[in-house]
Amino acid sequence: MDCWYLHVPRIPLIEDLTSGPIPAGSVLIVEYDPASQWYNASVTMTAGWVRTGGRIDYSALSQPPDDVRAQLRRLGLDLESLEKDGRLIFTDWYTPTLGQKSRERDSHSLKVADLSIYLAQAHLRHEPEPDLLMMTDDESTFARFNDERPWMELELTRFIPGYKVRKQRA
């Protein structure tokens, strides 16, 4: 077992279903029925990860970040402290889908061409972050703004390799 397992939190709900820790750099894709409880599960996993010492970047695509914050507050998290310490980061993809500018520190275009440039630069300047979990509530939102082939190419050539290089879990 590699040493980065020793001090990295467990992914609640997901690792309960596995025979061991999920290695840093892993990408898990959850397919779910729209009527399922995935959004509640993603918020529960977020709260559990942070409570056990991890950091999280929650990508809100299907709902405003403030709605996710309200859910996390109901689970007892001190969001102001967590966000100030950099343990909880929100990336707002939702507001740009409405054609508006986000108030969040992290917000990006949903267009493949813009994201490809951003991700190429971002991956070059980041160190490994095995305690950072990337949580995305609904990546199908990207399909509304991009053709499938370029979107899949972006996932395979930018997102996934970046997670592996930085030893993040997504």
N, C-alpha and C. Protein backbone atom coordinates (compact mmCIF):
# COMPACT_ATOMS: atom_id res chain seq x y z
N MET A 1 0.85 -1.17 0.00
CA MET A 1 0.00 0.00 0.00
C MET A 1 0.89 1.24 0.00
N ASP A 2 0.61 2.18 -0.89
CA ASP A 2 1.39 3.41 -0.96
C ASP A 2 1.13 4.30 0.25
N CYS A 3 2.10 5.15 0.56
CA CYS A 3 2.02 5.97 1.78
C CYS A 3 0.90 7.01 1.73
N TRP A 4 0.46 7.44 0.54
CA TRP A 4 -0.57 8.47 0.52
C TRP A 4 -1.92 7.97 0.99
N TYR A 5 -2.08 6.69 1.16
CA TYR A 5 -3.32 6.16 1.73
C TYR A 5 -3.42 6.47 3.23
N LEU A 6 -2.28 6.59 3.89
CA LEU A 6 -2.27 6.65 5.34
C LEU A 6 -2.94 7.89 5.91
N HIS A 7 -2.86 9.02 5.23
CA HIS A 7 -3.36 10.27 5.79
C HIS A 7 -4.48 10.88 4.96
N VAL A 8 -5.02 10.11 4.04
CA VAL A 8 -6.06 10.63 3.17
C VAL A 8 -7.40 10.08 3.64
N PRO A 9 -8.42 10.94 3.73
CA PRO A 9 -9.73 10.48 4.18
C PRO A 9 -10.34 9.45 3.23
N ARG A 10 -11.35 8.78 3.74
CA ARG A 10 -12.09 7.81 2.94
C ARG A 10 -13.24 8.53 2.23
N ILE A 11 -13.64 8.01 1.09
CA ILE A 11 -14.78 8.56 0.37
C ILE A 11 -16.04 7.89 0.93
N PRO A 12 -16.83 8.63 1.70
CA PRO A 12 -18.03 8.04 2.30
C PRO A 12 -18.97 7.48 1.23
N LEU A 13 -19.70 6.49 1.57
CA LEU A 13 -20.66 5.77 0.73
C LEU A 13 -19.96 4.94 -0.34
N ILE A 14 -19.02 5.50 -1.07
CA ILE A 14 -18.36 4.78 -2.17
C ILE A 14 -17.40 3.73 -1.62
N GLU A 15 -16.50 4.13 -0.71
CA GLU A 15 -15.52 3.17 -0.21
C GLU A 15 -16.15 2.12 0.70
N ASP A 16 -17.35 2.39 1.19
CA ASP A 16 -18.07 1.37 1.95
C ASP A 16 -18.45 0.20 1.05
N LEU A 17 -18.48 0.43 -0.25
CA LEU A 17 -18.85 -0.61 -1.21
C LEU A 17 -17.65 -1.32 -1.81
N THR A 18 -16.43 -0.86 -1.48
CA THR A 18 -15.23 -1.43 -2.09
C THR A 18 -14.47 -2.28 -1.08
N SER A 19 -13.51 -3.04 -1.58
CA SER A 19 -12.72 -3.90 -0.69
C SER A 19 -11.50 -3.19 -0.13
N GLY A 20 -11.27 -1.94 -0.54
CA GLY A 20 -10.13 -1.19 -0.03
C GLY A 20 -10.22 0.26 -0.45
N PRO A 21 -9.23 1.04 -0.05
CA PRO A 21 -9.23 2.47 -0.41
C PRO A 21 -9.18 2.67 -1.93
N ILE A 22 -9.76 3.75 -2.37
CA ILE A 22 -9.70 4.11 -3.79
C ILE A 22 -8.42 4.90 -4.00
N PRO A 23 -7.54 4.42 -4.87
CA PRO A 23 -6.24 5.08 -5.05
C PRO A 23 -6.38 6.53 -5.54
N ALA A 24 -5.47 7.36 -5.07
CA ALA A 24 -5.42 8.73 -5.56
C ALA A 24 -5.20 8.68 -7.07
N GLY A 25 -5.81 9.61 -7.77
CA GLY A 25 -5.73 9.63 -9.23
C GLY A 25 -6.85 8.85 -9.90
N SER A 26 -7.73 8.25 -9.11
CA SER A 26 -8.84 7.47 -9.65
C SER A 26 -9.99 8.39 -10.08
N VAL A 27 -10.69 7.97 -11.10
CA VAL A 27 -11.87 8.68 -11.57
C VAL A 27 -13.02 7.69 -11.52
N LEU A 28 -14.05 8.03 -10.77
CA LEU A 28 -15.24 7.19 -10.67
C LEU A 28 -16.39 7.91 -11.35
N ILE A 29 -17.09 7.22 -12.20
CA ILE A 29 -18.23 7.79 -12.89
C ILE A 29 -19.47 7.07 -12.37
N VAL A 30 -20.40 7.85 -11.87
CA VAL A 30 -21.64 7.29 -11.34
C VAL A 30 -22.76 7.58 -12.33
N GLU A 31 -23.37 6.53 -12.85
CA GLU A 31 -24.54 6.71 -13.70
C GLU A 31 -25.76 6.53 -12.81
N TYR A 32 -26.71 7.42 -12.96
CA TYR A 32 -27.86 7.38 -12.08
C TYR A 32 -29.13 7.77 -12.82
N ASP A 33 -30.22 7.31 -12.32
CA ASP A 33 -31.53 7.67 -12.83
C ASP A 33 -31.85 9.07 -12.35
N PRO A 34 -32.44 9.91 -13.19
CA PRO A 34 -32.76 11.27 -12.76
C PRO A 34 -33.62 11.33 -11.50
N ALA A 35 -34.38 10.28 -11.24
CA ALA A 35 -35.24 10.26 -10.04
C ALA A 35 -34.49 9.73 -8.81
N SER A 36 -33.21 9.41 -8.97
CA SER A 36 -32.45 8.84 -7.85
C SER A 36 -32.08 9.93 -6.83
N GLN A 37 -31.38 9.49 -5.81
CA GLN A 37 -30.94 10.39 -4.75
C GLN A 37 -29.48 10.81 -4.92
N TRP A 38 -29.00 10.86 -6.17
CA TRP A 38 -27.59 11.18 -6.40
C TRP A 38 -27.19 12.53 -5.82
N TYR A 39 -28.01 13.55 -5.98
CA TYR A 39 -27.63 14.87 -5.49
C TYR A 39 -27.46 14.85 -3.97
N ASN A 40 -28.37 14.18 -3.27
CA ASN A 40 -28.24 14.04 -1.83
C ASN A 40 -26.99 13.23 -1.48
N ALA A 41 -26.72 12.19 -2.25
CA ALA A 41 -25.54 11.36 -1.99
C ALA A 41 -24.26 12.17 -2.20
N SER A 42 -24.22 12.99 -3.25
CA SER A 42 -23.01 13.79 -3.51
C SER A 42 -22.75 14.78 -2.38
N VAL A 43 -23.80 15.35 -1.82
CA VAL A 43 -23.65 16.28 -0.71
C VAL A 43 -23.24 15.52 0.56
N THR A 44 -23.79 14.36 0.78
CA THR A 44 -23.43 13.54 1.94
C THR A 44 -21.97 13.10 1.85
N MET A 45 -21.52 12.70 0.67
CA MET A 45 -20.12 12.32 0.47
C MET A 45 -19.22 13.52 0.71
N THR A 46 -19.63 14.69 0.24
CA THR A 46 -18.85 15.91 0.44
C THR A 46 -18.68 16.18 1.93
N ALA A 47 -19.75 16.14 2.67
CA ALA A 47 -19.70 16.41 4.12
C ALA A 47 -18.81 15.39 4.83
N GLY A 48 -18.94 14.13 4.48
CA GLY A 48 -18.13 13.09 5.12
C GLY A 48 -16.65 13.24 4.82
N TRP A 49 -16.31 13.56 3.59
CA TRP A 49 -14.92 13.73 3.19
C TRP A 49 -14.28 14.88 3.97
N VAL A 50 -14.98 16.00 4.06
CA VAL A 50 -14.46 17.17 4.76
C VAL A 50 -14.34 16.88 6.26
N ARG A 51 -15.31 16.20 6.82
CA ARG A 51 -15.28 15.88 8.27
C ARG A 51 -14.09 15.01 8.64
N THR A 52 -13.60 14.21 7.70
CA THR A 52 -12.47 13.33 8.00
C THR A 52 -11.13 13.93 7.58
N GLY A 53 -11.13 15.24 7.30
CA GLY A 53 -9.87 15.93 7.05
C GLY A 53 -9.54 16.21 5.60
N GLY A 54 -10.39 15.81 4.68
CA GLY A 54 -10.11 16.04 3.27
C GLY A 54 -10.53 17.43 2.81
N ARG A 55 -10.07 17.77 1.63
CA ARG A 55 -10.47 19.00 0.96
C ARG A 55 -11.33 18.59 -0.23
N ILE A 56 -12.24 19.46 -0.62
CA ILE A 56 -13.13 19.10 -1.73
C ILE A 56 -13.36 20.29 -2.63
N ASP A 57 -13.42 20.02 -3.92
CA ASP A 57 -13.82 21.00 -4.92
C ASP A 57 -15.14 20.49 -5.48
N TYR A 58 -16.23 21.13 -5.09
CA TYR A 58 -17.56 20.70 -5.51
C TYR A 58 -17.95 21.49 -6.75
N SER A 59 -18.10 20.79 -7.87
CA SER A 59 -18.52 21.41 -9.13
C SER A 59 -20.03 21.36 -9.23
N ALA A 60 -20.65 22.52 -9.10
CA ALA A 60 -22.11 22.62 -9.15
C ALA A 60 -22.54 22.94 -10.58
N LEU A 61 -23.17 21.97 -11.22
CA LEU A 61 -23.65 22.15 -12.58
C LEU A 61 -25.17 22.18 -12.66
N SER A 62 -25.83 21.45 -11.78
CA SER A 62 -27.28 21.31 -11.90
C SER A 62 -28.05 22.20 -10.93
N GLN A 63 -27.34 22.85 -10.03
CA GLN A 63 -28.00 23.72 -9.06
C GLN A 63 -27.01 24.79 -8.62
N PRO A 64 -27.52 25.90 -8.14
CA PRO A 64 -26.63 26.98 -7.71
C PRO A 64 -25.79 26.54 -6.51
N PRO A 65 -24.54 27.02 -6.42
CA PRO A 65 -23.70 26.68 -5.27
C PRO A 65 -24.35 27.02 -3.93
N ASP A 66 -25.14 28.08 -3.87
CA ASP A 66 -25.79 28.43 -2.60
C ASP A 66 -26.80 27.37 -2.18
N ASP A 67 -27.41 26.68 -3.11
CA ASP A 67 -28.31 25.58 -2.77
C ASP A 67 -27.53 24.42 -2.15
N VAL A 68 -26.34 24.15 -2.70
CA VAL A 68 -25.49 23.09 -2.15
C VAL A 68 -25.02 23.51 -0.76
N ARG A 69 -24.65 24.76 -0.61
CA ARG A 69 -24.25 25.27 0.71
C ARG A 69 -25.36 25.06 1.74
N ALA A 70 -26.59 25.35 1.37
CA ALA A 70 -27.72 25.18 2.29
C ALA A 70 -27.84 23.71 2.73
N GLN A 71 -27.63 22.80 1.79
CA GLN A 71 -27.70 21.37 2.12
C GLN A 71 -26.56 20.98 3.07
N LEU A 72 -25.37 21.51 2.82
CA LEU A 72 -24.23 21.20 3.67
C LEU A 72 -24.39 21.79 5.07
N ARG A 73 -24.99 22.97 5.16
CA ARG A 73 -25.26 23.57 6.47
C ARG A 73 -26.22 22.68 7.27
N ARG A 74 -27.23 22.14 6.59
CA ARG A 74 -28.18 21.24 7.27
C ARG A 74 -27.49 19.99 7.81
N LEU A 75 -26.35 19.63 7.19
CA LEU A 75 -25.58 18.48 7.66
C LEU A 75 -24.59 18.88 8.75
N GLY A 76 -24.63 20.15 9.16
CA GLY A 76 -23.84 20.60 10.30
C GLY A 76 -22.45 21.13 9.99
N LEU A 77 -22.14 21.43 8.74
CA LEU A 77 -20.81 21.95 8.41
C LEU A 77 -20.74 23.46 8.63
N ASP A 78 -19.59 23.92 9.11
CA ASP A 78 -19.30 25.34 9.26
C ASP A 78 -18.66 25.81 7.95
N LEU A 79 -19.49 26.20 7.00
CA LEU A 79 -19.01 26.50 5.66
C LEU A 79 -18.07 27.69 5.61
N GLU A 80 -18.34 28.71 6.40
CA GLU A 80 -17.50 29.89 6.37
C GLU A 80 -16.06 29.52 6.72
N SER A 81 -15.89 28.73 7.76
CA SER A 81 -14.57 28.29 8.18
C SER A 81 -13.92 27.39 7.13
N LEU A 82 -14.68 26.44 6.62
CA LEU A 82 -14.15 25.50 5.62
C LEU A 82 -13.73 26.22 4.34
N GLU A 83 -14.55 27.16 3.89
CA GLU A 83 -14.20 27.88 2.66
C GLU A 83 -13.01 28.81 2.89
N LYS A 84 -12.96 29.44 4.05
CA LYS A 84 -11.84 30.33 4.37
C LYS A 84 -10.53 29.55 4.41
N ASP A 85 -10.56 28.33 4.97
CA ASP A 85 -9.37 27.49 5.07
C ASP A 85 -9.01 26.79 3.76
N GLY A 86 -9.86 26.91 2.74
CA GLY A 86 -9.60 26.26 1.47
C GLY A 86 -9.91 24.77 1.48
N ARG A 87 -10.63 24.31 2.50
CA ARG A 87 -11.00 22.90 2.56
C ARG A 87 -12.25 22.60 1.76
N LEU A 88 -13.02 23.64 1.45
CA LEU A 88 -14.23 23.49 0.65
C LEU A 88 -14.22 24.58 -0.42
N ILE A 89 -14.19 24.15 -1.66
CA ILE A 89 -14.15 25.06 -2.80
C ILE A 89 -15.36 24.75 -3.67
N PHE A 90 -16.01 25.78 -4.12
CA PHE A 90 -17.11 25.59 -5.07
C PHE A 90 -16.69 26.10 -6.43
N THR A 91 -16.89 25.27 -7.44
CA THR A 91 -16.72 25.71 -8.81
C THR A 91 -18.12 25.82 -9.39
N ASP A 92 -18.45 27.01 -9.79
CA ASP A 92 -19.81 27.30 -10.27
C ASP A 92 -19.87 27.16 -11.79
N TRP A 93 -20.44 26.08 -12.22
CA TRP A 93 -20.71 25.87 -13.64
C TRP A 93 -22.18 26.18 -13.93
N TYR A 94 -22.99 26.23 -12.89
CA TYR A 94 -24.43 26.44 -13.04
C TYR A 94 -24.75 27.85 -13.55
N THR A 95 -24.22 28.86 -12.91
CA THR A 95 -24.55 30.24 -13.27
C THR A 95 -24.22 30.55 -14.73
N PRO A 96 -23.06 30.12 -15.27
CA PRO A 96 -22.80 30.36 -16.69
C PRO A 96 -23.83 29.71 -17.63
N THR A 97 -24.49 28.62 -17.19
CA THR A 97 -25.51 28.00 -18.04
C THR A 97 -26.70 28.94 -18.21
N LEU A 98 -26.84 29.89 -17.30
CA LEU A 98 -27.93 30.87 -17.37
C LEU A 98 -27.51 32.13 -18.12
N GLY A 99 -26.25 32.15 -18.58
CA GLY A 99 -25.74 33.33 -19.27
C GLY A 99 -25.39 34.46 -18.33
N GLN A 100 -25.13 34.12 -17.07
CA GLN A 100 -24.80 35.14 -16.06
C GLN A 100 -23.38 34.95 -15.55
N LYS A 101 -22.85 35.99 -14.94
CA LYS A 101 -21.51 35.92 -14.34
C LYS A 101 -21.65 35.44 -12.89
N SER A 102 -20.80 34.51 -12.53
CA SER A 102 -20.85 33.93 -11.20
C SER A 102 -20.20 34.83 -10.16
N ARG A 103 -20.67 34.72 -8.92
CA ARG A 103 -20.05 35.41 -7.78
C ARG A 103 -18.96 34.56 -7.15
N GLU A 104 -18.86 33.30 -7.55
CA GLU A 104 -17.88 32.38 -6.97
C GLU A 104 -16.47 32.70 -7.46
N ARG A 105 -15.51 32.33 -6.64
CA ARG A 105 -14.11 32.53 -7.01
C ARG A 105 -13.76 31.69 -8.24
N ASP A 106 -14.28 30.45 -8.28
CA ASP A 106 -14.02 29.55 -9.40
C ASP A 106 -15.28 29.37 -10.24
N SER A 107 -15.19 29.77 -11.48
CA SER A 107 -16.28 29.60 -12.44
C SER A 107 -15.63 29.60 -13.82
N HIS A 108 -16.13 28.76 -14.70
CA HIS A 108 -15.50 28.63 -16.01
C HIS A 108 -16.54 28.51 -17.10
N SER A 109 -16.11 28.78 -18.30
CA SER A 109 -16.92 28.55 -19.48
C SER A 109 -17.19 27.05 -19.61
N LEU A 110 -18.30 26.70 -20.20
CA LEU A 110 -18.62 25.30 -20.43
C LEU A 110 -18.22 24.86 -21.85
N LYS A 111 -17.64 25.72 -22.62
CA LYS A 111 -17.25 25.40 -23.99
C LYS A 111 -15.92 24.64 -24.01
N VAL A 112 -15.85 23.57 -24.78
CA VAL A 112 -14.68 22.71 -24.84
C VAL A 112 -13.41 23.48 -25.20
N ALA A 113 -13.47 24.37 -26.16
CA ALA A 113 -12.27 25.10 -26.58
C ALA A 113 -11.70 25.93 -25.42
N ASP A 114 -12.56 26.61 -24.71
CA ASP A 114 -12.12 27.43 -23.57
C ASP A 114 -11.56 26.54 -22.46
N LEU A 115 -12.25 25.46 -22.16
CA LEU A 115 -11.81 24.56 -21.09
C LEU A 115 -10.50 23.86 -21.41
N SER A 116 -10.29 23.52 -22.66
CA SER A 116 -9.06 22.84 -23.05
C SER A 116 -7.85 23.71 -22.75
N ILE A 117 -7.93 24.98 -23.10
CA ILE A 117 -6.83 25.90 -22.83
C ILE A 117 -6.64 26.08 -21.33
N TYR A 118 -7.72 26.31 -20.62
CA TYR A 118 -7.64 26.50 -19.17
C TYR A 118 -7.02 25.29 -18.49
N LEU A 119 -7.49 24.09 -18.83
CA LEU A 119 -7.01 22.88 -18.17
C LEU A 119 -5.56 22.58 -18.50
N ALA A 120 -5.14 22.84 -19.74
CA ALA A 120 -3.74 22.62 -20.10
C ALA A 120 -2.84 23.49 -19.24
N GLN A 121 -3.21 24.72 -19.02
CA GLN A 121 -2.42 25.62 -18.18
C GLN A 121 -2.51 25.24 -16.71
N ALA A 122 -3.69 24.88 -16.24
CA ALA A 122 -3.90 24.55 -14.83
C ALA A 122 -3.12 23.30 -14.43
N HIS A 123 -3.07 22.31 -15.30
CA HIS A 123 -2.39 21.06 -14.97
C HIS A 123 -0.88 21.26 -14.86
N LEU A 124 -0.35 22.24 -15.56
CA LEU A 124 1.08 22.47 -15.53
C LEU A 124 1.54 23.09 -14.22
N ARG A 125 0.67 23.80 -13.52
CA ARG A 125 1.10 24.54 -12.34
C ARG A 125 0.62 23.95 -11.01
N HIS A 126 0.10 22.75 -11.03
CA HIS A 126 -0.41 22.16 -9.80
C HIS A 126 0.46 21.01 -9.30
N GLU A 127 0.63 20.97 -8.00
CA GLU A 127 1.34 19.89 -7.33
C GLU A 127 0.33 18.79 -6.98
N PRO A 128 0.81 17.60 -6.65
CA PRO A 128 -0.11 16.55 -6.21
C PRO A 128 -0.96 17.00 -5.02
N GLU A 129 -2.23 16.62 -5.04
CA GLU A 129 -3.17 16.97 -3.98
C GLU A 129 -4.03 15.75 -3.65
N PRO A 130 -3.43 14.73 -3.02
CA PRO A 130 -4.20 13.50 -2.77
C PRO A 130 -5.34 13.68 -1.78
N ASP A 131 -5.36 14.78 -1.03
CA ASP A 131 -6.46 15.01 -0.09
C ASP A 131 -7.62 15.76 -0.73
N LEU A 132 -7.48 16.11 -2.02
CA LEU A 132 -8.53 16.87 -2.72
C LEU A 132 -9.42 15.92 -3.51
N LEU A 133 -10.70 15.94 -3.19
CA LEU A 133 -11.70 15.16 -3.92
C LEU A 133 -12.44 16.11 -4.84
N MET A 134 -12.53 15.76 -6.09
CA MET A 134 -13.29 16.54 -7.06
C MET A 134 -14.68 15.91 -7.17
N MET A 135 -15.70 16.64 -6.75
CA MET A 135 -17.07 16.12 -6.79
C MET A 135 -17.85 16.93 -7.83
N THR A 136 -18.47 16.24 -8.76
CA THR A 136 -19.27 16.88 -9.79
C THR A 136 -20.69 16.35 -9.68
N ASP A 137 -21.66 17.26 -9.62
CA ASP A 137 -23.02 16.78 -9.41
C ASP A 137 -23.69 16.27 -10.67
N ASP A 138 -23.34 16.80 -11.85
CA ASP A 138 -24.02 16.34 -13.07
C ASP A 138 -23.27 16.78 -14.32
N GLU A 139 -22.35 15.95 -14.78
CA GLU A 139 -21.56 16.31 -15.96
C GLU A 139 -22.35 16.31 -17.25
N SER A 140 -23.54 15.75 -17.24
CA SER A 140 -24.33 15.74 -18.48
C SER A 140 -24.68 17.17 -18.91
N THR A 141 -24.57 18.13 -18.01
CA THR A 141 -24.81 19.53 -18.35
C THR A 141 -23.90 19.97 -19.48
N PHE A 142 -22.65 19.48 -19.50
CA PHE A 142 -21.71 19.86 -20.54
C PHE A 142 -22.22 19.46 -21.93
N ALA A 143 -23.00 18.39 -22.00
CA ALA A 143 -23.53 17.93 -23.29
C ALA A 143 -24.50 18.94 -23.90
N ARG A 144 -25.11 19.76 -23.07
CA ARG A 144 -26.02 20.79 -23.61
C ARG A 144 -25.26 21.88 -24.35
N PHE A 145 -23.97 22.03 -24.06
CA PHE A 145 -23.19 23.14 -24.62
C PHE A 145 -22.10 22.70 -25.58
N ASN A 146 -21.95 21.38 -25.79
CA ASN A 146 -20.87 20.86 -26.63
C ASN A 146 -21.33 19.62 -27.38
N ASP A 147 -20.68 19.38 -28.52
CA ASP A 147 -20.89 18.12 -29.22
C ASP A 147 -20.20 17.01 -28.43
N GLU A 148 -20.70 15.80 -28.57
CA GLU A 148 -20.21 14.70 -27.75
C GLU A 148 -18.73 14.37 -27.98
N ARG A 149 -18.31 14.30 -29.22
CA ARG A 149 -16.92 13.88 -29.49
C ARG A 149 -15.89 14.85 -28.88
N PRO A 150 -15.99 16.16 -29.13
CA PRO A 150 -15.01 17.07 -28.49
C PRO A 150 -15.08 17.02 -26.97
N TRP A 151 -16.29 16.86 -26.43
CA TRP A 151 -16.41 16.78 -24.98
C TRP A 151 -15.69 15.55 -24.44
N MET A 152 -15.88 14.40 -25.07
CA MET A 152 -15.22 13.16 -24.62
C MET A 152 -13.71 13.27 -24.77
N GLU A 153 -13.25 13.89 -25.84
CA GLU A 153 -11.81 14.10 -26.03
C GLU A 153 -11.23 14.96 -24.91
N LEU A 154 -11.95 15.97 -24.51
CA LEU A 154 -11.52 16.83 -23.40
C LEU A 154 -11.42 16.02 -22.11
N GLU A 155 -12.42 15.21 -21.84
CA GLU A 155 -12.39 14.36 -20.64
C GLU A 155 -11.17 13.45 -20.66
N LEU A 156 -10.93 12.80 -21.80
CA LEU A 156 -9.86 11.81 -21.91
C LEU A 156 -8.46 12.41 -21.97
N THR A 157 -8.33 13.62 -22.52
CA THR A 157 -7.00 14.20 -22.69
C THR A 157 -6.65 15.29 -21.70
N ARG A 158 -7.63 15.86 -21.00
CA ARG A 158 -7.35 16.94 -20.05
C ARG A 158 -7.80 16.62 -18.62
N PHE A 159 -9.09 16.36 -18.45
CA PHE A 159 -9.60 16.14 -17.10
C PHE A 159 -8.95 14.93 -16.43
N ILE A 160 -9.12 13.75 -17.01
CA ILE A 160 -8.67 12.52 -16.38
C ILE A 160 -7.15 12.50 -16.18
N PRO A 161 -6.33 12.84 -17.19
CA PRO A 161 -4.88 12.87 -16.93
C PRO A 161 -4.49 13.88 -15.84
N GLY A 162 -5.20 14.99 -15.77
CA GLY A 162 -4.91 15.98 -14.72
C GLY A 162 -5.16 15.44 -13.33
N TYR A 163 -6.25 14.69 -13.17
CA TYR A 163 -6.54 14.09 -11.87
C TYR A 163 -5.44 13.10 -11.48
N LYS A 164 -4.97 12.33 -12.46
CA LYS A 164 -3.95 11.34 -12.19
C LYS A 164 -2.63 12.00 -11.80
N VAL A 165 -2.23 13.02 -12.53
CA VAL A 165 -0.97 13.72 -12.24
C VAL A 165 -1.00 14.33 -10.85
N ARG A 166 -2.13 14.91 -10.46
CA ARG A 166 -2.25 15.56 -9.16
C ARG A 166 -2.68 14.60 -8.06
N LYS A 167 -2.87 13.31 -8.41
CA LYS A 167 -3.29 12.27 -7.47
C LYS A 167 -4.59 12.63 -6.75
N GLN A 168 -5.48 13.30 -7.48
CA GLN A 168 -6.78 13.63 -6.93
C GLN A 168 -7.74 12.49 -7.22
N ARG A 169 -8.83 12.49 -6.52
CA ARG A 169 -9.90 11.55 -6.79
C ARG A 169 -11.06 12.36 -7.37
N ALA A 170 -11.68 11.81 -8.36
CA ALA A 170 -12.80 12.52 -8.99
C ALA A 170 -13.95 11.57 -9.21
